[in-house]
């Protein structure tokens, strides 16, 4: 079945990178909840810092290769990039 309105232009490495970003963001959010009740856990604080740096690096790599993920990171030099990427509903299932 070919449904052109729901085409998936995302290649496997792009999808894998996006899933890794989402996984780290989930882990960071989970750590934040834990740290709300355990604010002195040095191991969790260190893990939060490491995961935050890792996800920042992954986002930078994704945007370098595939374009902006959010409207907060849309300009490249003197050009506006947001409207040049597929809209979320044009990307297909993640």
C-alpha atoms as a PDB file:
ATOM      1  CA  UNK A   1       0.000   0.000   0.000  1.00  0.00           C
ATOM      2  CA  UNK A   2       1.487   3.320  -1.057  1.00  0.00           C
ATOM      3  CA  UNK A   3       0.220   6.307   0.858  1.00  0.00           C
ATOM      4  CA  UNK A   4       1.993   9.375  -0.516  1.00  0.00           C
ATOM      5  CA  UNK A   5       0.640  11.732   2.163  1.00  0.00           C
ATOM      6  CA  UNK A   6       2.437   9.703   4.839  1.00  0.00           C
ATOM      7  CA  UNK A   7       5.732   9.025   3.098  1.00  0.00           C
ATOM      8  CA  UNK A   8       8.711   8.358   5.297  1.00  0.00           C
ATOM      9  CA  UNK A   9      11.751  10.250   4.023  1.00  0.00           C
ATOM     10  CA  UNK A  10      13.786   9.384   7.110  1.00  0.00           C
ATOM     11  CA  UNK A  11      16.689   7.010   6.466  1.00  0.00           C
ATOM     12  CA  UNK A  12      17.687   4.372   9.007  1.00  0.00           C
ATOM     13  CA  UNK A  13      20.692   6.233  10.424  1.00  0.00           C
ATOM     14  CA  UNK A  14      18.590   9.376  10.842  1.00  0.00           C
ATOM     15  CA  UNK A  15      15.889   7.380  12.587  1.00  0.00           C
ATOM     16  CA  UNK A  16      18.436   5.617  14.807  1.00  0.00           C
ATOM     17  CA  UNK A  17      20.002   8.938  15.809  1.00  0.00           C
ATOM     18  CA  UNK A  18      16.595  10.423  16.613  1.00  0.00           C
ATOM     19  CA  UNK A  19      15.681   7.370  18.724  1.00  0.00           C
ATOM     20  CA  UNK A  20      18.969   7.690  20.625  1.00  0.00           C
ATOM     21  CA  UNK A  21      18.204  11.369  21.332  1.00  0.00           C
ATOM     22  CA  UNK A  22      14.748  10.438  22.567  1.00  0.00           C
ATOM     23  CA  UNK A  23      16.154   7.644  24.776  1.00  0.00           C
ATOM     24  CA  UNK A  24      18.680   9.955  26.433  1.00  0.00           C
ATOM     25  CA  UNK A  25      16.020  12.644  26.926  1.00  0.00           C
ATOM     26  CA  UNK A  26      13.783  10.054  28.603  1.00  0.00           C
ATOM     27  CA  UNK A  27      16.637   8.966  30.888  1.00  0.00           C
ATOM     28  CA  UNK A  28      17.395  12.596  31.772  1.00  0.00           C
ATOM     29  CA  UNK A  29      13.748  13.243  32.659  1.00  0.00           C
ATOM     30  CA  UNK A  30      13.707  10.098  34.787  1.00  0.00           C
ATOM     31  CA  UNK A  31      16.877  11.220  36.572  1.00  0.00           C
ATOM     32  CA  UNK A  32      15.313  14.630  37.250  1.00  0.00           C
ATOM     33  CA  UNK A  33      12.369  12.945  38.951  1.00  0.00           C
ATOM     34  CA  UNK A  34      14.741  10.823  41.028  1.00  0.00           C
ATOM     35  CA  UNK A  35      16.873  13.837  41.947  1.00  0.00           C
ATOM     36  CA  UNK A  36      13.779  15.707  43.124  1.00  0.00           C
ATOM     37  CA  UNK A  37      13.603  13.224  46.003  1.00  0.00           C
ATOM     38  CA  UNK A  38      17.324  12.395  46.278  1.00  0.00           C
ATOM     39  CA  UNK A  39      19.090  15.736  45.683  1.00  0.00           C
ATOM     40  CA  UNK A  40      22.380  14.645  47.273  1.00  0.00           C
ATOM     41  CA  UNK A  41      22.933  11.492  45.202  1.00  0.00           C
ATOM     42  CA  UNK A  42      26.313  12.277  43.636  1.00  0.00           C
ATOM     43  CA  UNK A  43      26.147   9.306  41.268  1.00  0.00           C
ATOM     44  CA  UNK A  44      22.774  10.415  39.862  1.00  0.00           C
ATOM     45  CA  UNK A  45      23.978  14.012  39.545  1.00  0.00           C
ATOM     46  CA  UNK A  46      27.050  12.833  37.629  1.00  0.00           C
ATOM     47  CA  UNK A  47      24.909  10.622  35.390  1.00  0.00           C
ATOM     48  CA  UNK A  48      22.530  13.539  34.692  1.00  0.00           C
ATOM     49  CA  UNK A  49      25.481  15.711  33.677  1.00  0.00           C
ATOM     50  CA  UNK A  50      26.960  13.004  31.431  1.00  0.00           C
ATOM     51  CA  UNK A  51      23.621  12.245  29.745  1.00  0.00           C
ATOM     52  CA  UNK A  52      22.910  15.953  29.243  1.00  0.00           C
ATOM     53  CA  UNK A  53      26.259  16.412  27.505  1.00  0.00           C
ATOM     54  CA  UNK A  54      25.703  13.282  25.412  1.00  0.00           C
ATOM     55  CA  UNK A  55      22.245  14.380  24.257  1.00  0.00           C
ATOM     56  CA  UNK A  56      23.564  17.851  23.436  1.00  0.00           C
ATOM     57  CA  UNK A  57      26.259  16.271  21.244  1.00  0.00           C
ATOM     58  CA  UNK A  58      23.707  13.978  19.584  1.00  0.00           C
ATOM     59  CA  UNK A  59      21.382  16.915  18.846  1.00  0.00           C
ATOM     60  CA  UNK A  60      24.253  18.899  17.340  1.00  0.00           C
ATOM     61  CA  UNK A  61      25.171  15.908  15.163  1.00  0.00           C
ATOM     62  CA  UNK A  62      21.565  15.372  14.080  1.00  0.00           C
ATOM     63  CA  UNK A  63      21.123  19.026  13.165  1.00  0.00           C
ATOM     64  CA  UNK A  64      24.417  19.107  11.292  1.00  0.00           C
ATOM     65  CA  UNK A  65      23.350  16.100   9.213  1.00  0.00           C
ATOM     66  CA  UNK A  66      19.578  16.497   8.885  1.00  0.00           C
ATOM     67  CA  UNK A  67      18.508  20.003   9.894  1.00  0.00           C
ATOM     68  CA  UNK A  68      16.876  21.546  12.962  1.00  0.00           C
ATOM     69  CA  UNK A  69      14.873  19.507  15.468  1.00  0.00           C
ATOM     70  CA  UNK A  70      13.076  22.469  17.029  1.00  0.00           C
ATOM     71  CA  UNK A  71      12.437  26.100  16.199  1.00  0.00           C
ATOM     72  CA  UNK A  72      15.113  27.039  18.754  1.00  0.00           C
ATOM     73  CA  UNK A  73      17.828  25.857  16.345  1.00  0.00           C
ATOM     74  CA  UNK A  74      16.682  26.979  12.933  1.00  0.00           C
ATOM     75  CA  UNK A  75      19.109  29.449  11.470  1.00  0.00           C
ATOM     76  CA  UNK A  76      22.315  28.485   9.741  1.00  0.00           C
ATOM     77  CA  UNK A  77      24.344  31.574   9.031  1.00  0.00           C
ATOM     78  CA  UNK A  78      22.036  33.992   7.242  1.00  0.00           C
ATOM     79  CA  UNK A  79      19.353  31.481   6.198  1.00  0.00           C
ATOM     80  CA  UNK A  80      16.179  30.284   7.883  1.00  0.00           C
ATOM     81  CA  UNK A  81      16.088  26.471   7.814  1.00  0.00           C
ATOM     82  CA  UNK A  82      12.900  25.490   9.660  1.00  0.00           C
ATOM     83  CA  UNK A  83      10.488  25.678   6.730  1.00  0.00           C
ATOM     84  CA  UNK A  84      12.874  23.745   4.458  1.00  0.00           C
ATOM     85  CA  UNK A  85      12.534  20.523   6.459  1.00  0.00           C
ATOM     86  CA  UNK A  86       9.572  18.130   6.244  1.00  0.00           C
ATOM     87  CA  UNK A  87       6.767  18.976   8.638  1.00  0.00           C
ATOM     88  CA  UNK A  88       6.265  16.510  11.523  1.00  0.00           C
ATOM     89  CA  UNK A  89       3.239  14.898   9.835  1.00  0.00           C
ATOM     90  CA  UNK A  90       5.289  14.446   6.646  1.00  0.00           C
ATOM     91  CA  UNK A  91       8.021  12.482   8.441  1.00  0.00           C
ATOM     92  CA  UNK A  92       5.963   9.375   9.165  1.00  0.00           C
ATOM     93  CA  UNK A  93       6.154   7.217  12.247  1.00  0.00           C
ATOM     94  CA  UNK A  94       9.221   7.485  14.452  1.00  0.00           C
END
